[in-house]
């Protein structure tokens, strides 16, 4: 006797596909680790050293920061295109 065919929803099939694929990986695991390390470097390390928080540096209070942002937004809208 065979099991009756049960219809399984699409999200469940997708989950099982990826779960089984990641379980059987060998080289792929090292590649995923490499990808995650590169993403960490790109988003966290670069942000710390190359993209300073200019608003926090130039303005001392939240009200001053908000006013500066509003001023720059209004300047951009009023300039001719």
N, C-alpha and C. Protein backbone atom coordinates (compact mmCIF):
# COMPACT_ATOMS: atom_id res chain seq x y z
N UNK A 1 0.84 -1.19 0.00
CA UNK A 1 0.00 0.00 0.00
C UNK A 1 0.87 1.24 0.00
N UNK A 2 0.40 2.22 -0.67
CA UNK A 2 1.11 3.49 -0.70
C UNK A 2 0.35 4.50 0.14
N UNK A 3 1.10 5.51 0.57
CA UNK A 3 0.48 6.58 1.34
C UNK A 3 -0.39 7.43 0.43
N UNK A 4 -1.49 7.93 0.96
CA UNK A 4 -2.29 8.83 0.12
C UNK A 4 -1.57 10.15 -0.08
N UNK A 5 -1.71 10.71 -1.28
CA UNK A 5 -1.07 11.99 -1.58
C UNK A 5 -1.80 13.10 -0.84
N UNK A 6 -1.05 13.76 0.04
CA UNK A 6 -1.62 14.89 0.76
C UNK A 6 -1.07 16.16 0.13
N UNK A 7 -1.93 17.11 -0.08
CA UNK A 7 -1.51 18.38 -0.66
C UNK A 7 -0.91 19.23 0.46
N UNK A 8 0.34 19.63 0.25
CA UNK A 8 1.06 20.43 1.23
C UNK A 8 1.14 21.85 0.70
N UNK A 9 0.95 22.80 1.59
CA UNK A 9 0.93 24.20 1.16
C UNK A 9 2.30 24.63 0.63
N UNK A 10 2.29 25.66 -0.18
CA UNK A 10 3.51 26.15 -0.82
C UNK A 10 4.55 26.62 0.21
N UNK A 11 4.20 27.41 1.24
CA UNK A 11 5.23 27.81 2.21
C UNK A 11 5.90 26.63 2.90
N UNK A 12 5.13 25.59 3.20
CA UNK A 12 5.71 24.40 3.84
C UNK A 12 6.68 23.71 2.90
N UNK A 13 6.32 23.59 1.62
CA UNK A 13 7.23 22.97 0.66
C UNK A 13 8.50 23.78 0.48
N UNK A 14 8.39 25.11 0.44
CA UNK A 14 9.57 25.96 0.31
C UNK A 14 10.47 25.81 1.53
N UNK A 15 9.87 25.82 2.73
CA UNK A 15 10.65 25.66 3.96
C UNK A 15 11.39 24.32 3.96
N UNK A 16 10.69 23.26 3.62
CA UNK A 16 11.32 21.93 3.62
C UNK A 16 12.44 21.86 2.57
N UNK A 17 12.25 22.48 1.42
CA UNK A 17 13.27 22.49 0.37
C UNK A 17 14.57 23.12 0.90
N UNK A 18 14.46 24.31 1.51
CA UNK A 18 15.65 24.98 2.01
C UNK A 18 16.23 24.27 3.23
N UNK A 19 15.39 23.74 4.10
CA UNK A 19 15.87 23.02 5.27
C UNK A 19 16.70 21.81 4.84
N UNK A 20 16.19 21.03 3.92
CA UNK A 20 16.92 19.85 3.46
C UNK A 20 18.18 20.24 2.70
N UNK A 21 18.12 21.32 1.93
CA UNK A 21 19.29 21.78 1.19
C UNK A 21 20.40 22.23 2.11
N UNK A 22 20.07 23.00 3.17
CA UNK A 22 21.10 23.45 4.09
C UNK A 22 21.66 22.32 4.93
N UNK A 23 20.87 21.32 5.21
CA UNK A 23 21.37 20.17 5.99
C UNK A 23 22.42 19.39 5.21
N UNK A 24 22.24 19.28 3.90
CA UNK A 24 23.16 18.45 3.12
C UNK A 24 24.36 19.23 2.58
N UNK A 25 24.49 20.50 2.93
CA UNK A 25 25.62 21.30 2.44
C UNK A 25 26.92 20.93 3.13
N UNK A 26 28.00 21.03 2.40
CA UNK A 26 29.33 20.88 3.02
C UNK A 26 30.15 22.13 2.72
N UNK A 27 30.47 22.36 1.46
CA UNK A 27 31.24 23.54 1.07
C UNK A 27 30.39 24.80 1.22
N UNK A 28 29.12 24.68 0.96
CA UNK A 28 28.22 25.82 1.01
C UNK A 28 28.18 26.51 2.36
N UNK A 29 28.38 25.76 3.43
CA UNK A 29 28.37 26.36 4.76
C UNK A 29 29.51 27.36 4.92
N UNK A 30 30.66 27.02 4.41
CA UNK A 30 31.81 27.93 4.49
C UNK A 30 31.57 29.17 3.63
N UNK A 31 30.90 28.99 2.51
CA UNK A 31 30.59 30.14 1.66
C UNK A 31 29.59 31.06 2.35
N UNK A 32 28.59 30.50 3.04
CA UNK A 32 27.64 31.32 3.78
C UNK A 32 28.33 32.08 4.91
N UNK A 33 29.27 31.43 5.58
CA UNK A 33 30.02 32.13 6.64
C UNK A 33 30.80 33.29 6.03
N UNK A 34 31.43 33.06 4.89
CA UNK A 34 32.17 34.11 4.21
C UNK A 34 31.25 35.27 3.81
N UNK A 35 30.07 34.96 3.30
CA UNK A 35 29.11 35.99 2.93
C UNK A 35 28.69 36.80 4.15
N UNK A 36 28.40 36.14 5.25
CA UNK A 36 27.97 36.84 6.47
C UNK A 36 29.07 37.72 7.03
N UNK A 37 30.32 37.27 6.97
CA UNK A 37 31.44 38.09 7.44
C UNK A 37 31.59 39.32 6.56
N UNK A 38 31.48 39.15 5.25
CA UNK A 38 31.58 40.29 4.34
C UNK A 38 30.45 41.29 4.58
N UNK A 39 29.23 40.82 4.80
CA UNK A 39 28.12 41.73 5.10
C UNK A 39 28.35 42.48 6.40
N UNK A 40 28.88 41.79 7.40
CA UNK A 40 29.18 42.45 8.67
C UNK A 40 30.19 43.58 8.44
N UNK A 41 31.22 43.28 7.69
CA UNK A 41 32.25 44.30 7.41
C UNK A 41 31.63 45.47 6.65
N UNK A 42 30.84 45.18 5.64
CA UNK A 42 30.25 46.25 4.84
C UNK A 42 29.32 47.15 5.64
N UNK A 43 28.43 46.56 6.42
CA UNK A 43 27.40 47.36 7.07
C UNK A 43 27.82 47.94 8.41
N UNK A 44 28.65 47.27 9.17
CA UNK A 44 28.98 47.76 10.50
C UNK A 44 30.33 48.46 10.57
N UNK A 45 31.35 47.84 10.05
CA UNK A 45 32.68 48.42 10.13
C UNK A 45 32.79 49.66 9.25
N UNK A 46 32.31 49.57 8.00
CA UNK A 46 32.37 50.74 7.12
C UNK A 46 31.56 51.89 7.67
N UNK A 47 30.39 51.60 8.24
CA UNK A 47 29.56 52.67 8.78
C UNK A 47 30.28 53.38 9.92
N UNK A 48 30.96 52.64 10.74
CA UNK A 48 31.66 53.26 11.87
C UNK A 48 32.77 54.19 11.43
N UNK A 49 33.52 53.81 10.40
CA UNK A 49 34.69 54.57 10.02
C UNK A 49 34.49 55.54 8.87
N UNK A 50 33.57 55.25 7.95
CA UNK A 50 33.45 56.07 6.76
C UNK A 50 32.17 56.89 6.67
N UNK A 51 31.18 56.60 7.50
CA UNK A 51 29.92 57.33 7.44
C UNK A 51 29.56 57.86 8.83
N UNK A 52 30.17 58.96 9.23
CA UNK A 52 29.90 59.50 10.57
C UNK A 52 28.48 60.08 10.64
N UNK A 53 27.97 60.20 11.85
CA UNK A 53 26.66 60.79 12.08
C UNK A 53 26.81 62.30 12.10
N UNK A 54 26.60 62.93 10.96
CA UNK A 54 26.84 64.37 10.83
C UNK A 54 25.87 65.20 11.65
N UNK A 55 24.63 64.77 11.74
CA UNK A 55 23.66 65.53 12.53
C UNK A 55 24.04 65.55 14.01
N UNK A 56 24.46 64.40 14.51
CA UNK A 56 24.84 64.34 15.92
C UNK A 56 26.10 65.16 16.18
N UNK A 57 27.00 65.17 15.20
CA UNK A 57 28.24 65.92 15.36
C UNK A 57 28.01 67.43 15.30
N UNK A 58 27.14 67.88 14.38
CA UNK A 58 26.98 69.31 14.14
C UNK A 58 25.92 69.98 15.01
N UNK A 59 24.97 69.22 15.54
CA UNK A 59 23.88 69.80 16.32
C UNK A 59 23.78 69.07 17.66
N UNK A 60 23.48 69.85 18.71
CA UNK A 60 23.51 69.26 20.05
C UNK A 60 22.17 68.72 20.52
N UNK A 61 21.05 69.24 20.02
CA UNK A 61 19.74 68.77 20.50
C UNK A 61 18.92 68.22 19.34
N UNK A 62 17.87 67.48 19.70
CA UNK A 62 16.99 66.93 18.68
C UNK A 62 16.23 68.03 17.95
N UNK A 63 15.89 69.10 18.65
CA UNK A 63 15.17 70.19 18.00
C UNK A 63 16.04 70.84 16.93
N UNK A 64 17.32 71.04 17.21
CA UNK A 64 18.23 71.63 16.22
C UNK A 64 18.39 70.70 15.01
N UNK A 65 18.48 69.42 15.28
CA UNK A 65 18.61 68.45 14.18
C UNK A 65 17.36 68.46 13.30
N UNK A 66 16.19 68.48 13.94
CA UNK A 66 14.94 68.49 13.18
C UNK A 66 14.82 69.76 12.35
N UNK A 67 15.20 70.90 12.92
CA UNK A 67 15.14 72.17 12.19
C UNK A 67 16.08 72.14 10.99
N UNK A 68 17.28 71.58 11.16
CA UNK A 68 18.24 71.51 10.06
C UNK A 68 17.72 70.61 8.94
N UNK A 69 17.11 69.49 9.29
CA UNK A 69 16.57 68.60 8.27
C UNK A 69 15.43 69.28 7.53
N UNK A 70 14.52 69.94 8.27
CA UNK A 70 13.42 70.66 7.63
C UNK A 70 13.94 71.74 6.69
N UNK A 71 14.95 72.47 7.12
CA UNK A 71 15.50 73.55 6.31
C UNK A 71 16.07 72.99 5.00
N UNK A 72 16.81 71.88 5.08
CA UNK A 72 17.41 71.31 3.88
C UNK A 72 16.35 70.69 2.97
N UNK A 73 15.30 70.14 3.54
CA UNK A 73 14.23 69.60 2.71
C UNK A 73 13.50 70.72 1.96
N UNK A 74 13.28 71.82 2.64
CA UNK A 74 12.59 72.95 2.00
C UNK A 74 13.47 73.59 0.92
N UNK A 75 14.76 73.64 1.13
CA UNK A 75 15.68 74.17 0.12
C UNK A 75 15.63 73.34 -1.15
N UNK A 76 15.61 72.04 -1.01
CA UNK A 76 15.60 71.17 -2.19
C UNK A 76 14.32 71.30 -2.97
N UNK A 77 13.19 71.51 -2.30
CA UNK A 77 11.92 71.62 -2.99
C UNK A 77 11.78 72.95 -3.71
N UNK A 78 12.35 74.01 -3.17
CA UNK A 78 12.15 75.33 -3.76
C UNK A 78 13.12 75.62 -4.90
N UNK A 79 14.16 74.82 -5.06
CA UNK A 79 15.13 75.07 -6.13
C UNK A 79 14.54 74.65 -7.48
N UNK A 80 14.79 75.44 -8.54
CA UNK A 80 14.25 75.09 -9.87
C UNK A 80 14.93 73.85 -10.44
N UNK A 81 14.20 73.12 -11.21
CA UNK A 81 14.74 71.87 -11.79
C UNK A 81 15.06 72.05 -13.23
